[in-house]
Protein backbone atom coordinates (compact mmCIF):
# COMPACT_ATOMS: atom_id res chain seq x y z
CA MET A 1 148.27 79.17 37.05
CA LYS A 2 146.05 79.13 40.12
CA THR A 3 144.25 82.23 41.29
CA ASN A 4 143.32 82.94 44.85
CA THR A 5 139.54 82.74 44.97
CA LYS A 6 139.27 82.81 48.73
CA LYS A 7 136.86 85.52 49.84
CA PRO A 8 137.84 87.94 52.60
CA ASN A 9 136.04 87.96 55.91
CA GLY A 10 133.07 90.29 56.27
CA ILE A 11 130.73 91.40 53.52
CA ASP A 12 131.58 92.10 49.89
CA TYR A 13 129.55 95.32 49.64
CA ILE A 14 129.29 98.62 51.55
CA GLY A 15 126.64 98.39 54.25
CA VAL A 16 124.36 101.13 55.58
CA SER A 17 123.87 101.35 59.32
CA VAL A 18 122.17 103.56 61.90
CA GLY A 19 122.81 104.19 65.58
CA ALA A 20 121.26 106.13 68.46
CA LEU A 21 123.07 108.30 70.99
CA ILE A 22 120.40 108.22 73.70
CA LEU A 23 120.67 110.68 76.60
CA ASN A 24 118.73 110.71 79.87
CA GLU A 25 117.80 113.65 82.10
CA GLN A 26 121.08 113.21 84.02
CA ARG A 27 122.99 113.80 80.75
CA GLN A 28 124.20 110.21 80.72
CA ILE A 29 124.55 108.18 77.52
CA LEU A 30 123.16 104.70 76.92
CA LEU A 31 125.76 102.25 75.62
CA THR A 32 125.51 98.53 74.87
CA LYS A 33 128.27 95.93 74.95
CA ARG A 34 128.70 93.79 71.84
CA SER A 35 128.71 90.08 72.58
CA GLN A 36 131.30 87.59 71.43
CA ASN A 37 128.78 86.40 68.82
CA ALA A 38 128.32 89.86 67.29
CA ARG A 39 129.10 90.47 63.61
CA ASN A 40 132.10 92.70 64.40
CA GLU A 41 133.97 94.63 67.13
CA LYS A 42 133.26 91.93 69.69
CA GLY A 43 133.42 93.12 73.31
CA CYS A 44 133.25 96.81 72.38
CA TRP A 45 130.82 99.28 73.90
CA GLU A 46 128.75 101.24 71.41
CA ALA A 47 125.70 103.36 70.77
CA PRO A 48 123.01 100.77 69.93
CA GLY A 49 122.01 100.38 66.30
CA GLY A 50 122.12 98.10 63.30
CA SER A 51 121.77 97.82 59.56
CA VAL A 52 119.12 99.45 57.39
CA ASP A 53 116.66 97.05 55.74
CA PHE A 54 115.67 97.37 52.10
CA GLY A 55 113.11 100.15 51.60
CA GLU A 56 113.52 101.67 55.07
CA THR A 57 114.25 105.30 55.81
CA LEU A 58 117.11 105.95 58.22
CA GLU A 59 114.66 107.22 60.85
CA THR A 60 112.44 104.15 60.57
CA ALA A 61 115.47 101.87 60.78
CA VAL A 62 116.89 103.37 63.97
CA LYS A 63 113.50 103.27 65.70
CA ARG A 64 113.04 99.63 64.68
CA GLU A 65 116.51 98.71 65.90
CA MET A 66 115.86 100.24 69.33
CA GLN A 67 112.68 98.18 69.66
CA GLU A 68 114.37 94.99 68.51
CA GLU A 69 117.52 95.35 70.60
CA LEU A 70 116.31 97.03 73.79
CA GLY A 71 112.50 97.18 73.68
CA ILE A 72 112.43 100.98 73.84
CA SER A 73 110.80 103.80 71.88
CA ILE A 74 112.86 106.87 71.05
CA LYS A 75 112.36 110.45 69.90
CA ILE A 76 114.89 111.68 67.35
CA LEU A 77 116.27 115.14 68.04
CA TYR A 78 119.14 115.49 65.60
CA GLN A 79 120.82 113.61 62.76
CA PHE A 80 124.61 113.67 62.70
CA PRO A 81 126.46 113.74 59.37
CA ALA A 82 127.13 110.27 57.98
CA GLU A 83 130.53 108.73 58.74
CA ASN A 84 132.57 106.00 57.09
CA HIS A 85 132.86 103.14 59.56
CA LEU A 86 135.86 101.16 58.37
CA ILE A 87 136.91 97.96 60.12
CA PRO A 88 140.03 96.92 58.18
CA THR A 89 140.79 93.87 60.31
CA GLU A 90 137.39 92.43 59.46
CA LYS A 91 137.20 93.68 55.86
CA GLN A 92 134.03 95.67 56.51
CA HIS A 93 132.94 99.12 55.36
CA TRP A 94 129.75 100.73 56.64
CA VAL A 95 128.25 104.15 55.93
CA ALA A 96 126.92 104.99 59.38
CA THR A 97 124.38 107.62 60.39
CA THR A 98 123.82 108.34 64.06
CA PHE A 99 120.92 110.18 65.68
CA LEU A 100 120.80 112.10 68.96
CA CYS A 101 117.75 110.75 70.80
CA PHE A 102 115.75 110.60 74.01
CA LEU A 103 113.39 107.97 75.33
CA THR A 104 109.79 108.88 74.56
CA LYS A 105 108.73 108.08 78.13
CA ASN A 106 110.06 106.61 81.34
CA GLN A 107 111.37 103.29 80.06
CA GLU A 108 114.01 100.83 81.18
CA PRO A 109 115.93 99.08 78.38
CA THR A 110 116.07 95.29 78.39
CA ILE A 111 118.31 93.12 76.24
CA GLN A 112 116.21 91.54 73.50
CA GLU A 113 119.01 90.13 71.32
CA PRO A 114 121.66 88.57 73.60
CA GLU A 115 123.48 87.15 70.60
CA LYS A 116 124.18 90.74 69.53
CA CYS A 117 124.73 92.55 72.84
CA ASP A 118 125.06 91.13 76.32
CA GLY A 119 125.23 94.25 78.49
CA PHE A 120 124.18 97.88 78.70
CA GLY A 121 124.45 100.87 81.00
CA TRP A 122 124.01 104.60 81.44
CA PHE A 123 127.38 106.34 81.62
CA ASP A 124 128.70 109.80 82.44
CA PHE A 125 130.84 111.26 79.69
CA SER A 126 133.69 111.52 82.21
CA ASN A 127 133.55 107.78 82.91
CA LEU A 128 132.89 105.95 79.65
CA PRO A 129 133.58 102.20 79.43
CA ARG A 130 136.36 100.81 77.25
CA PRO A 131 136.90 99.80 74.55
CA LEU A 132 134.48 101.89 72.49
CA SER A 133 133.59 100.93 68.95
CA LEU A 134 135.22 103.01 66.23
CA ILE A 135 132.01 104.70 65.11
CA THR A 136 130.91 105.46 68.69
CA GLN A 137 134.23 107.21 69.29
CA LYS A 138 133.44 109.43 66.29
CA ASP A 139 129.85 109.98 67.44
CA ILE A 140 130.90 111.14 70.89
CA THR A 141 133.38 113.54 69.32
CA GLN A 142 130.55 115.02 67.24
CA LEU A 143 128.37 115.26 70.33
CA GLY A 144 131.02 117.55 71.80
CA ASN A 145 129.68 120.26 69.48
CA PHE A 146 126.52 120.40 71.59
CA ASP A 147 126.15 122.38 74.81
CA LEU A 148 124.60 119.70 77.00
CA SER A 149 123.94 122.19 79.79
CA VAL A 150 120.82 122.84 77.69
CA MET A 151 119.17 119.52 77.02
CA PRO A 152 117.69 119.23 73.52
CA GLY A 153 114.04 118.37 73.42
CA VAL A 154 110.56 119.84 73.54
CA TYR A 155 109.77 122.66 75.97
CA ARG A 156 106.45 124.28 76.87
CA HIS A 157 106.26 128.06 77.18
CA PHE A 158 104.43 129.27 80.28
CA LYS A 159 101.58 130.45 78.01
CA GLY A 160 101.15 126.96 76.56
CA ASN A 161 102.90 126.82 73.17
CA LYS A 162 105.50 124.12 72.51
CA TYR A 163 109.00 124.59 71.11
CA GLN A 164 111.85 122.31 70.03
CA ILE A 165 115.38 123.29 71.07
CA ILE A 166 117.71 122.95 68.09
CA ASN A 167 121.07 123.90 69.59
CA VAL A 168 123.00 126.44 71.61
CA ALA A 169 125.25 129.03 69.96
CA LYS A 170 127.30 132.04 71.01
CA HIS A 171 126.66 135.65 70.08
CA SER A 172 129.27 136.64 67.49
CA GLU A 173 130.35 139.75 69.42
CA THR A 174 129.52 139.30 73.10
CA LEU A 175 129.99 135.46 73.13
CA GLU A 176 126.85 135.22 75.25
CA LYS A 177 125.21 131.79 74.98
CA MET A 178 122.00 131.81 72.94
CA VAL A 179 119.32 129.11 72.73
CA ILE A 180 118.07 128.38 69.21
CA TYR A 181 114.59 126.89 69.17
CA GLN A 182 111.74 126.21 66.78
CA SER A 183 108.00 126.61 67.24
CA LEU A 184 105.89 123.47 66.99
CA TYR A 185 102.55 125.18 66.54
CA ASP A 186 103.10 127.11 63.29
CA ASN A 187 101.84 125.53 60.12
CA PRO A 188 103.12 124.90 57.53
CA ILE A 189 106.37 126.76 58.27
CA SER A 190 107.82 126.74 61.78
CA LYS A 191 109.47 129.89 63.08
CA ILE A 192 113.02 129.87 64.39
CA TRP A 193 113.66 131.84 67.59
CA VAL A 194 116.86 132.87 69.37
CA ARG A 195 116.94 133.91 73.02
CA PRO A 196 119.76 134.41 75.55
CA LYS A 197 120.24 131.22 77.56
CA LYS A 198 119.81 132.97 80.92
CA MET A 199 116.51 134.48 79.71
CA PHE A 200 115.28 131.14 78.34
CA PHE A 201 115.56 129.53 81.78
CA GLU A 202 114.56 132.46 84.00
CA THR A 203 111.31 132.71 85.92
CA VAL A 204 108.65 135.27 85.10
CA SER A 205 105.61 136.68 86.87
CA TYR A 206 102.35 135.18 85.55
CA ASN A 207 98.91 135.42 87.18
CA GLY A 208 100.50 136.57 90.41
CA LYS A 209 103.00 133.67 90.56
CA ARG A 210 106.65 133.10 89.62
CA VAL A 211 106.80 130.41 86.95
CA LYS A 212 109.47 129.08 84.61
CA ARG A 213 109.48 130.72 81.19
CA PHE A 214 110.07 127.29 79.58
CA THR A 215 109.62 123.80 81.06
CA LYS A 216 110.97 120.64 79.43
CA ILE A 217 108.27 118.07 78.67
């Protein structure tokens, strides 16, 4: 009796991957288009990323992938919960972790690995390209939990201290929007602060001038 020893397409183990949802100051998202020579989901648009190498942390892997694919440096702001990225038609299963990121400085991505992706662009959330990869569809759904009217990142208080915005929440009774942010100058434990959104972005009088309470840097 013969047994079928033909191996399925794809890989015969569960892979670990990382991706980056990179936003610019216009609240647009950077997506890349997978080439016809890509490992899977050919022709799909996705948040750039790749597999984790042996011994790497997830954070190190996603930063390396951005350098290798697009020649850019990123700042990680938030780590989304891991998702199962199943591609049944290609017999692949990845455990995927995506990070919300910004560019560390004014940089323009350039395609470094044309065999993997052959296009990229900055897109408004109201006008995303199609088709999107399966995991990027999930990532964008998770991103919907963020209030993007307040851009995550580092802000400088008018007196000089720096703070990291964590998220925006609503007051449990009044439903007023509140900014949750963390000090970057306390050591070893950073303090968590909560301030009404309208107060966070208002101007104040300082040394005889009107200045912003917080300025994004």
